[in-house]
């Protein structure tokens, strides 16, 4: 039953947060519930691997939870992002309004993510994946404007349609599974599937494109630039830093725990999906370079940067998986910093466009230094954390059996880094060097909003200087997928 606690505590606690009208009690309650969830998640991660059957629907069709290495990784990533962003959200949402609704759903989402992490088979994962989509929609709809409603329904439509594609693919695959639950290395019955390999490869491609919608992969990426500009900044931070990684988690489960790298290596879906991932990296960077609205620019950046992760995963090598998971962590840290900094700027100045940020570094120096460090990490400039993950990705691509895609990946990733510099560094330079005649008053945000940004920015520096412990753990996790 211990596996249920990180799921039930935030789900039930979020309902009480949603109903609490007193601001101080509500904030303390939300903070207590999320900190308790973080402690429970850490406790579950430290315990030996456990398994819990929640419900047997029929025969081998069951809802099952399990704490394997990937579950531990995703749970820790979620709670490390969720707590600092909550602190930022307290003053931000008080200013924007709708605190009860936002904090209630924000708290409940963490429980769903814990369930998604521990899902031990496709049916359980699909249930929590759909719950994640449904419960995150109110964060996009928060302002209740016409644009927010359009963005919310677009997000929901893409998410449900993508998950539906994945479910259709599973219907074709289920008969050929040697076991109903996930297992490292895959559970496809190779003997039974030998005569229907092409059908299973089509199903795999359908499932990855479907789950890839949540990760922003072309051609299912349009919800991201629609949702981020209308969502509150704390919602944008977790959408980009964690929710998109929910799609990546599903891709990992399907690729490495259902089909297996042995079944997929050298197949046409690998080549098609690698092409889509690299195309997404380039397209996202180009669209970000053209975009003038700050949060929409960051949203297109997420489209590009999350597909770095997909590129590493689809190489189907231990080095590729290690690089992809390193990029998952470092992108989450950098992009959360950028979205929180953008939110602080909007909170303090009401400026939403890039061309309105002239001199913003003199008005909000702490915020812009955090933005600068995160931007350098996202570009991949040493010694920032982003350099480490991009170096690993290029190295994994060049060492992979698919040599042509390794070389193409290196070219696209370098080009994307240059484009990333092109759409982030002008914000920094214009912010700190606006011209001799520019006079600006200081309008820095308060400590509740500053400290989370500083924590993420410092993490981007420290993990760039000392990545060994993290990359070593992720290397062992990646190696365990190739049995």
Protein backbone atom coordinates (compact mmCIF):
# COMPACT_ATOMS: atom_id res chain seq x y z
CA UNK A 1 0.00 0.00 0.00
CA UNK A 2 2.98 2.32 0.41
CA UNK A 3 3.03 2.82 -3.39
CA UNK A 4 -0.42 4.39 -3.24
CA UNK A 5 0.53 7.13 -0.78
CA UNK A 6 2.44 9.41 -3.25
CA UNK A 7 -0.63 9.18 -5.51
CA UNK A 8 -3.46 9.52 -3.00
CA UNK A 9 -1.95 12.23 -0.76
CA UNK A 10 -1.79 14.93 -3.49
CA UNK A 11 -5.03 13.79 -5.16
CA UNK A 12 -7.03 13.99 -1.92
CA UNK A 13 -5.06 16.95 -0.60
CA UNK A 14 -5.68 18.86 -3.82
CA UNK A 15 -9.43 18.57 -3.29
CA UNK A 16 -9.11 20.16 0.16
CA UNK A 17 -6.84 22.87 -1.26
CA UNK A 18 -9.41 23.53 -3.98
CA UNK A 19 -12.18 24.00 -1.39
CA UNK A 20 -10.19 26.12 1.10
CA UNK A 21 -11.10 29.83 0.86
CA UNK A 22 -8.66 31.24 3.44
CA UNK A 23 -5.50 32.20 1.54
CA UNK A 24 -2.96 31.53 4.30
CA UNK A 25 -4.46 28.15 5.22
CA UNK A 26 -4.74 27.21 1.54
CA UNK A 27 -1.11 28.06 0.80
CA UNK A 28 0.16 26.20 3.85
CA UNK A 29 -2.02 23.23 3.00
CA UNK A 30 -0.75 23.10 -0.61
CA UNK A 31 2.86 23.40 0.53
CA UNK A 32 2.40 20.73 3.21
CA UNK A 33 0.74 18.29 0.81
CA UNK A 34 3.39 18.71 -1.88
CA UNK A 35 6.28 18.47 0.60
CA UNK A 36 4.68 15.35 2.08
CA UNK A 37 4.38 13.90 -1.42
CA UNK A 38 8.05 14.68 -2.06
CA UNK A 39 9.05 12.88 1.16
CA UNK A 40 6.83 9.90 0.30
CA UNK A 41 8.25 9.74 -3.22
CA UNK A 42 11.78 9.79 -1.83
CA UNK A 43 10.88 7.04 0.64
CA UNK A 44 9.40 4.89 -2.14
CA UNK A 45 12.54 5.43 -4.22
CA UNK A 46 14.79 4.33 -1.35
CA UNK A 47 12.80 1.16 -0.65
CA UNK A 48 13.54 -2.07 -2.55
CA UNK A 49 11.57 -2.52 -5.76
CA UNK A 50 7.91 -3.10 -4.97
CA UNK A 51 4.81 -4.10 -6.89
CA UNK A 52 1.11 -3.56 -6.20
CA UNK A 53 -1.89 -4.89 -8.15
CA UNK A 54 -4.61 -2.23 -7.86
CA UNK A 55 -7.35 -3.96 -9.82
CA UNK A 56 -7.80 -7.04 -11.99
CA UNK A 57 -10.20 -6.11 -14.77
CA UNK A 58 -10.23 -9.44 -16.62
CA UNK A 59 -7.62 -12.17 -16.83
CA UNK A 60 -4.22 -10.52 -17.35
CA UNK A 61 -5.80 -7.07 -17.84
CA UNK A 62 -4.81 -5.36 -14.61
CA UNK A 63 -3.93 -2.00 -13.10
CA UNK A 64 -0.48 -2.46 -11.56
CA UNK A 65 2.10 -0.18 -9.91
CA UNK A 66 5.81 -0.91 -9.73
CA UNK A 67 8.90 1.02 -8.62
CA UNK A 68 11.65 0.25 -11.11
CA UNK A 69 14.63 2.48 -11.92
CA UNK A 70 12.76 4.53 -14.51
CA UNK A 71 9.89 5.15 -12.08
CA UNK A 72 12.34 6.40 -9.45
CA UNK A 73 14.00 8.71 -11.96
CA UNK A 74 10.74 10.30 -13.10
CA UNK A 75 9.33 10.63 -9.57
CA UNK A 76 12.42 12.45 -8.36
CA UNK A 77 12.42 14.73 -11.41
CA UNK A 78 8.78 15.66 -10.78
CA UNK A 79 9.11 16.52 -7.09
CA UNK A 80 12.36 18.47 -7.61
CA UNK A 81 10.51 20.71 -10.09
CA UNK A 82 7.15 20.83 -8.31
CA UNK A 83 8.24 22.28 -4.95
CA UNK A 84 10.21 25.37 -6.17
CA UNK A 85 7.57 26.22 -8.80
CA UNK A 86 4.87 26.10 -6.09
CA UNK A 87 6.74 28.73 -4.05
CA UNK A 88 6.91 30.96 -7.13
CA UNK A 89 3.22 30.40 -7.78
CA UNK A 90 1.99 31.76 -4.43
CA UNK A 91 2.52 35.50 -5.18
CA UNK A 92 2.10 35.08 -8.94
CA UNK A 93 -1.33 33.45 -8.75
CA UNK A 94 -2.45 35.82 -5.98
CA UNK A 95 -1.78 38.65 -8.45
CA UNK A 96 -3.43 36.83 -11.38
CA UNK A 97 -6.45 35.53 -9.42
CA UNK A 98 -8.07 32.11 -9.24
CA UNK A 99 -5.77 30.83 -6.50
CA UNK A 100 -8.09 28.06 -5.27
CA UNK A 101 -8.54 26.55 -8.71
CA UNK A 102 -4.88 26.78 -9.68
CA UNK A 103 -3.39 25.42 -6.45
CA UNK A 104 -5.98 22.65 -6.23
CA UNK A 105 -5.30 21.30 -9.69
CA UNK A 106 -1.56 21.94 -9.36
CA UNK A 107 -1.49 19.74 -6.26
CA UNK A 108 -3.58 16.96 -7.83
CA UNK A 109 -1.42 16.78 -10.96
CA UNK A 110 1.57 15.70 -8.89
CA UNK A 111 -0.34 12.62 -7.71
CA UNK A 112 -1.22 11.69 -11.28
CA UNK A 113 2.44 12.05 -12.30
CA UNK A 114 3.46 9.72 -9.47
CA UNK A 115 0.99 7.16 -10.83
CA UNK A 116 2.27 7.63 -14.38
CA UNK A 117 5.84 7.05 -13.20
CA UNK A 118 4.96 3.80 -11.39
CA UNK A 119 2.66 2.36 -14.09
CA UNK A 120 3.75 -1.25 -14.60
CA UNK A 121 1.86 -1.96 -17.84
CA UNK A 122 0.32 -0.15 -20.78
CA UNK A 123 -3.24 -0.08 -19.43
CA UNK A 124 -2.15 1.56 -16.17
CA UNK A 125 0.09 4.01 -18.01
CA UNK A 126 -2.69 4.93 -20.44
CA UNK A 127 -5.12 5.61 -17.56
CA UNK A 128 -2.71 7.97 -15.78
CA UNK A 129 -1.63 9.55 -19.07
CA UNK A 130 -5.22 10.53 -19.88
CA UNK A 131 -5.74 11.73 -16.30
CA UNK A 132 -2.65 13.90 -16.68
CA UNK A 133 -4.11 15.51 -19.80
CA UNK A 134 -7.52 16.13 -18.21
CA UNK A 135 -6.24 17.58 -14.94
CA UNK A 136 -3.68 19.88 -16.60
CA UNK A 137 -6.28 21.48 -18.90
CA UNK A 138 -7.55 23.84 -16.13
CA UNK A 139 -4.03 25.27 -15.82
CA UNK A 140 -4.17 26.28 -19.49
CA UNK A 141 -7.77 27.53 -19.15
CA UNK A 142 -6.91 29.47 -15.98
CA UNK A 143 -7.53 33.02 -17.25
CA UNK A 144 -10.82 31.97 -18.91
CA UNK A 145 -10.25 34.29 -21.88
CA UNK A 146 -11.29 33.32 -25.39
CA UNK A 147 -7.64 32.66 -26.27
CA UNK A 148 -7.25 30.49 -23.16
CA UNK A 149 -10.33 28.46 -24.06
CA UNK A 150 -9.07 27.90 -27.60
CA UNK A 151 -5.63 26.90 -26.33
CA UNK A 152 -7.11 24.61 -23.67
CA UNK A 153 -9.30 22.75 -26.13
CA UNK A 154 -6.41 22.50 -28.61
CA UNK A 155 -4.18 21.04 -25.87
CA UNK A 156 -6.88 18.58 -24.85
CA UNK A 157 -7.63 17.64 -28.45
CA UNK A 158 -4.02 16.93 -29.35
CA UNK A 159 -3.46 15.02 -26.09
CA UNK A 160 -6.55 12.82 -26.38
CA UNK A 161 -6.06 12.22 -30.10
CA UNK A 162 -2.40 11.30 -29.58
CA UNK A 163 -3.20 8.96 -26.70
CA UNK A 164 -5.98 7.44 -28.83
CA UNK A 165 -3.46 6.70 -31.59
CA UNK A 166 -1.26 4.97 -29.02
CA UNK A 167 -4.22 2.92 -27.76
CA UNK A 168 -5.08 1.79 -31.29
CA UNK A 169 -1.48 0.68 -31.74
CA UNK A 170 -1.66 -1.27 -28.48
CA UNK A 171 -4.74 -3.18 -29.68
CA UNK A 172 -2.61 -4.62 -32.51
CA UNK A 173 0.37 -5.34 -30.23
CA UNK A 174 -1.32 -6.88 -27.18
CA UNK A 175 -1.72 -10.35 -28.71
CA UNK A 176 2.02 -10.60 -29.42
CA UNK A 177 3.23 -9.76 -25.91
CA UNK A 178 4.90 -12.55 -23.98
CA UNK A 179 3.89 -10.86 -20.70
CA UNK A 180 1.27 -8.19 -19.97
CA UNK A 181 3.57 -5.98 -17.86
CA UNK A 182 6.56 -3.86 -18.83
CA UNK A 183 10.02 -5.43 -18.58
CA UNK A 184 13.42 -4.00 -19.45
CA UNK A 185 14.48 -5.23 -22.88
CA UNK A 186 10.91 -5.63 -24.14
CA UNK A 187 8.16 -8.23 -23.88
CA UNK A 188 7.39 -8.91 -27.54
CA UNK A 189 7.18 -12.65 -28.25
CA UNK A 190 9.67 -12.85 -31.11
CA UNK A 191 8.54 -16.28 -32.28
CA UNK A 192 4.85 -15.39 -32.35
CA UNK A 193 5.44 -12.02 -34.01
CA UNK A 194 7.88 -13.21 -36.71
CA UNK A 195 5.23 -13.42 -39.46
CA UNK A 196 3.59 -10.12 -38.50
CA UNK A 197 6.64 -7.96 -37.92
CA UNK A 198 5.55 -5.23 -40.36
CA UNK A 199 2.16 -4.87 -38.68
CA UNK A 200 3.84 -4.48 -35.29
CA UNK A 201 6.25 -1.89 -36.68
CA UNK A 202 3.32 0.14 -38.02
CA UNK A 203 1.68 -0.12 -34.59
CA UNK A 204 4.92 1.02 -32.91
CA UNK A 205 5.20 4.03 -35.21
CA UNK A 206 1.57 4.93 -34.47
CA UNK A 207 2.15 4.68 -30.70
CA UNK A 208 5.29 6.84 -30.71
CA UNK A 209 3.73 9.57 -32.86
CA UNK A 210 0.70 9.50 -30.55
CA UNK A 211 2.65 9.82 -27.31
CA UNK A 212 5.03 12.18 -29.08
CA UNK A 213 2.18 14.71 -29.27
CA UNK A 214 2.63 15.36 -25.54
CA UNK A 215 6.37 15.80 -26.10
CA UNK A 216 5.75 18.30 -28.91
CA UNK A 217 7.09 16.19 -31.78
CA UNK A 218 6.18 17.16 -35.35
CA UNK A 219 3.46 16.89 -36.65
CA UNK A 220 1.63 17.09 -33.27
CA UNK A 221 3.39 20.11 -31.74
CA UNK A 222 0.87 22.93 -32.29
CA UNK A 223 -0.61 22.82 -28.77
CA UNK A 224 2.62 24.07 -27.14
CA UNK A 225 2.82 27.56 -28.73
CA UNK A 226 -0.93 27.92 -28.20
CA UNK A 227 -0.96 26.91 -24.52
CA UNK A 228 2.10 28.65 -23.10
CA UNK A 229 1.25 32.31 -23.84
CA UNK A 230 -2.16 32.07 -22.11
CA UNK A 231 -1.20 29.82 -19.18
CA UNK A 232 0.19 31.36 -15.96
CA UNK A 233 3.98 31.25 -15.79
CA UNK A 234 4.09 28.51 -13.10
CA UNK A 235 1.84 26.37 -15.30
CA UNK A 236 4.10 27.00 -18.30
CA UNK A 237 7.10 25.96 -16.21
CA UNK A 238 5.66 22.56 -15.28
CA UNK A 239 4.10 22.02 -18.71
CA UNK A 240 7.50 22.48 -20.34
CA UNK A 241 9.67 21.01 -17.61
CA UNK A 242 7.60 17.97 -16.60
CA UNK A 243 4.35 17.39 -18.54
CA UNK A 244 6.13 17.16 -21.90
CA UNK A 245 8.44 14.63 -20.23
CA UNK A 246 5.33 12.54 -19.48
CA UNK A 247 5.15 11.96 -23.22
CA UNK A 248 8.84 11.07 -23.24
CA UNK A 249 8.28 8.61 -20.38
CA UNK A 250 5.57 6.88 -22.43
CA UNK A 251 7.94 6.71 -25.42
CA UNK A 252 10.59 5.06 -23.23
CA UNK A 253 8.12 2.52 -21.86
CA UNK A 254 6.83 1.56 -25.30
CA UNK A 255 10.27 1.47 -26.93
CA UNK A 256 12.39 -0.20 -24.24
CA UNK A 257 9.89 -1.98 -21.99
CA UNK A 258 7.37 -3.23 -24.57
CA UNK A 259 8.97 -3.65 -28.00
CA UNK A 260 12.62 -3.72 -26.98
CA UNK A 261 15.68 -2.33 -28.82
CA UNK A 262 16.51 -5.73 -30.35
CA UNK A 263 13.16 -5.82 -32.18
CA UNK A 264 13.42 -2.20 -33.39
CA UNK A 265 17.12 -1.74 -34.22
CA UNK A 266 17.59 -1.01 -37.92
CA UNK A 267 13.85 -0.97 -38.69
CA UNK A 268 12.13 1.60 -40.88
CA UNK A 269 10.20 3.16 -37.92
CA UNK A 270 13.53 3.96 -36.28
CA UNK A 271 14.63 5.87 -39.37
CA UNK A 272 11.27 7.61 -39.82
CA UNK A 273 11.06 8.67 -36.17
CA UNK A 274 14.69 9.82 -36.05
CA UNK A 275 13.92 11.97 -39.10
CA UNK A 276 10.85 13.42 -37.37
CA UNK A 277 12.85 14.13 -34.21
CA UNK A 278 15.59 15.97 -36.08
CA UNK A 279 13.01 17.85 -38.16
CA UNK A 280 11.30 18.93 -34.93
CA UNK A 281 14.61 20.16 -33.49
CA UNK A 282 15.19 22.35 -36.55
CA UNK A 283 11.60 23.54 -37.07
CA UNK A 284 11.16 24.44 -33.40
CA UNK A 285 14.37 26.49 -33.40
CA UNK A 286 13.44 28.32 -36.61
CA UNK A 287 9.96 29.19 -35.36
CA UNK A 288 11.40 30.38 -32.03
CA UNK A 289 13.82 32.67 -33.90
CA UNK A 290 10.92 34.33 -35.74
CA UNK A 291 8.60 34.67 -32.72
CA UNK A 292 8.31 38.09 -30.99
CA UNK A 293 6.12 37.10 -28.05
CA UNK A 294 8.39 36.00 -25.16
CA UNK A 295 6.49 32.98 -23.80
CA UNK A 296 5.57 31.76 -27.27
CA UNK A 297 9.26 31.93 -28.20
CA UNK A 298 10.07 29.79 -25.18
CA UNK A 299 7.29 27.39 -26.18
CA UNK A 300 8.78 26.86 -29.63
CA UNK A 301 12.11 26.37 -27.90
CA UNK A 302 10.54 23.54 -25.89
CA UNK A 303 9.35 21.93 -29.13
CA UNK A 304 12.95 21.89 -30.31
CA UNK A 305 14.72 20.95 -27.08
CA UNK A 306 12.47 18.05 -26.04
CA UNK A 307 13.08 16.43 -29.43
CA UNK A 308 16.77 16.32 -28.49
CA UNK A 309 15.60 13.75 -25.94
CA UNK A 310 13.62 11.80 -28.52
CA UNK A 311 16.63 11.76 -30.85
CA UNK A 312 18.78 10.18 -28.14
CA UNK A 313 16.14 7.58 -27.26
CA UNK A 314 15.58 6.55 -30.86
CA UNK A 315 19.27 5.80 -31.39
CA UNK A 316 18.46 2.60 -29.44
CA UNK A 317 21.85 2.49 -27.72
CA UNK A 318 22.79 2.73 -24.01
CA UNK A 319 24.77 5.90 -24.68
CA UNK A 320 21.78 7.42 -26.47
CA UNK A 321 19.43 6.66 -23.57
CA UNK A 322 21.90 8.07 -21.05
CA UNK A 323 22.26 11.25 -23.11
CA UNK A 324 18.49 11.56 -23.54
CA UNK A 325 17.79 11.26 -19.82
CA UNK A 326 20.55 13.75 -19.02
CA UNK A 327 18.91 16.15 -21.48
CA UNK A 328 15.52 15.54 -19.79
CA UNK A 329 16.91 16.77 -16.46
CA UNK A 330 18.97 19.67 -17.75
CA UNK A 331 16.25 20.91 -20.09
CA UNK A 332 13.72 20.86 -17.25
CA UNK A 333 16.02 22.96 -15.07
CA UNK A 334 16.87 25.50 -17.77
CA UNK A 335 13.39 25.85 -19.21
CA UNK A 336 11.77 26.21 -15.78
CA UNK A 337 14.22 29.01 -15.04
CA UNK A 338 13.35 30.74 -18.31
CA UNK A 339 9.59 30.47 -17.84
CA UNK A 340 9.77 31.64 -14.22
CA UNK A 341 11.94 34.58 -15.30
CA UNK A 342 9.44 35.40 -18.05
CA UNK A 343 6.66 35.21 -15.47
CA UNK A 344 8.56 37.52 -13.11
CA UNK A 345 9.00 40.04 -15.93
CA UNK A 346 5.29 39.91 -16.79
CA UNK A 347 4.40 40.15 -13.09
CA UNK A 348 6.59 43.23 -12.49
CA UNK A 349 6.32 45.11 -15.78
CA UNK A 350 3.39 43.61 -17.75
CA UNK A 351 5.74 43.29 -20.75
CA UNK A 352 5.08 40.22 -22.87
CA UNK A 353 6.99 40.93 -26.11
CA UNK A 354 10.70 40.59 -26.73
CA UNK A 355 10.92 44.13 -28.15
CA UNK A 356 9.60 45.52 -24.85
CA UNK A 357 12.51 44.13 -22.81
CA UNK A 358 15.07 46.83 -23.61
CA UNK A 359 16.94 47.53 -20.38
CA UNK A 360 15.11 44.84 -18.40
CA UNK A 361 18.45 43.64 -17.00
CA UNK A 362 18.91 46.98 -15.24
CA UNK A 363 15.37 46.97 -13.92
CA UNK A 364 15.38 43.34 -12.77
CA UNK A 365 19.04 42.25 -12.46
CA UNK A 366 18.49 39.06 -10.41
CA UNK A 367 15.77 37.83 -12.75
CA UNK A 368 17.81 38.54 -15.84
CA UNK A 369 20.95 36.91 -14.48
CA UNK A 370 18.91 33.78 -13.85
CA UNK A 371 17.51 34.08 -17.39
CA UNK A 372 21.05 34.49 -18.75
CA UNK A 373 22.46 31.42 -17.00
CA UNK A 374 19.51 29.31 -18.17
CA UNK A 375 19.88 30.63 -21.72
CA UNK A 376 23.59 29.71 -21.76
CA UNK A 377 22.68 26.22 -20.55
CA UNK A 378 20.00 25.79 -23.20
CA UNK A 379 22.43 26.90 -25.91
CA UNK A 380 25.01 24.43 -24.62
CA UNK A 381 27.85 26.74 -23.60
CA UNK A 382 30.32 25.23 -21.10
CA UNK A 383 30.46 24.93 -18.16
CA UNK A 384 26.65 24.99 -18.01
CA UNK A 385 24.63 21.79 -17.61
CA UNK A 386 23.19 21.95 -21.13
CA UNK A 387 26.67 21.57 -22.61
CA UNK A 388 27.06 18.17 -20.91
CA UNK A 389 23.81 16.72 -22.26
CA UNK A 390 24.42 18.03 -25.78
CA UNK A 391 27.95 16.65 -25.78
CA UNK A 392 26.60 13.26 -24.73
CA UNK A 393 23.95 13.41 -27.47
CA UNK A 394 26.45 14.22 -30.23
CA UNK A 395 28.83 11.53 -28.99
CA UNK A 396 26.05 8.94 -28.79
CA UNK A 397 24.89 9.83 -32.31
CA UNK A 398 28.37 9.45 -33.80
CA UNK A 399 28.87 6.09 -32.06
CA UNK A 400 25.43 4.67 -32.97
CA UNK A 401 25.02 1.95 -35.63
CA UNK A 402 22.88 4.36 -37.67
CA UNK A 403 25.93 6.35 -38.76
CA UNK A 404 24.13 8.59 -41.25
CA UNK A 405 21.66 9.77 -38.60
CA UNK A 406 24.52 10.29 -36.15
CA UNK A 407 26.23 12.68 -38.56
CA UNK A 408 22.92 14.37 -39.43
CA UNK A 409 22.17 14.66 -35.73
CA UNK A 410 25.46 16.40 -35.07
CA UNK A 411 24.80 18.92 -37.84
CA UNK A 412 21.22 19.60 -36.73
CA UNK A 413 22.12 19.89 -33.04
CA UNK A 414 24.95 22.34 -33.76
CA UNK A 415 22.70 24.35 -36.06
CA UNK A 416 19.97 24.33 -33.42
CA UNK A 417 22.45 25.58 -30.81
CA UNK A 418 23.32 28.51 -33.08
CA UNK A 419 19.63 29.27 -33.61
CA UNK A 420 19.03 29.02 -29.85
CA UNK A 421 21.75 31.61 -29.33
CA UNK A 422 20.04 33.71 -31.98
CA UNK A 423 16.69 33.83 -30.19
CA UNK A 424 17.89 34.00 -26.55
CA UNK A 425 21.11 36.04 -26.47
CA UNK A 426 19.60 39.24 -28.02
CA UNK A 427 17.17 39.32 -25.07
CA UNK A 428 20.14 39.21 -22.71
CA UNK A 429 22.30 41.77 -24.53
CA UNK A 430 19.45 44.23 -25.05
CA UNK A 431 18.41 43.74 -21.45
CA UNK A 432 21.83 44.54 -19.95
CA UNK A 433 23.12 47.01 -22.57
CA UNK A 434 20.16 49.16 -23.62
CA UNK A 435 22.16 52.28 -24.50
CA UNK A 436 23.70 55.23 -22.65
CA UNK A 437 20.54 57.30 -22.33
CA UNK A 438 18.39 54.53 -20.91
CA UNK A 439 17.19 55.14 -17.34
CA UNK A 440 15.23 52.43 -15.56
CA UNK A 441 13.75 52.09 -12.10
CA UNK A 442 14.34 48.87 -10.15
CA UNK A 443 11.27 46.62 -10.10
CA UNK A 444 12.63 43.29 -8.92
CA UNK A 445 10.16 40.67 -7.71
CA UNK A 446 9.95 39.53 -4.09
CA UNK A 447 11.88 36.67 -2.44
CA UNK A 448 9.15 34.04 -2.97
CA UNK A 449 9.62 34.49 -6.71
CA UNK A 450 13.37 35.12 -6.71
CA UNK A 451 14.54 32.08 -4.74
CA UNK A 452 13.05 29.39 -7.02
CA UNK A 453 14.65 31.05 -10.04
CA UNK A 454 17.98 31.28 -8.22
CA UNK A 455 17.75 27.63 -7.14
CA UNK A 456 17.22 26.43 -10.71
CA UNK A 457 19.93 28.73 -12.10
CA UNK A 458 22.45 27.54 -9.50
CA UNK A 459 21.52 23.93 -10.28
CA UNK A 460 22.26 24.56 -13.97
CA UNK A 461 25.76 25.75 -13.03
CA UNK A 462 26.55 23.14 -10.36
CA UNK A 463 25.34 20.18 -12.44
CA UNK A 464 27.36 21.48 -15.37
CA UNK A 465 30.50 21.60 -13.25
CA UNK A 466 29.87 18.32 -11.39
CA UNK A 467 27.65 16.08 -13.55
CA UNK A 468 29.35 12.81 -12.63
CA UNK A 469 26.99 11.48 -9.98
CA UNK A 470 23.88 12.14 -12.07
CA UNK A 471 25.30 10.89 -15.37
CA UNK A 472 26.73 7.80 -13.66
CA UNK A 473 23.32 6.90 -12.22
CA UNK A 474 21.62 7.52 -15.57
CA UNK A 475 24.27 5.44 -17.31
CA UNK A 476 23.48 2.48 -15.06
CA UNK A 477 19.75 3.01 -15.64
CA UNK A 478 20.28 3.10 -19.41
CA UNK A 479 22.44 -0.03 -19.35
CA UNK A 480 19.68 -1.94 -17.57
CA UNK A 481 17.35 -1.48 -20.55
CA UNK A 482 19.53 -3.60 -22.84
CA UNK A 483 19.14 -7.14 -21.55
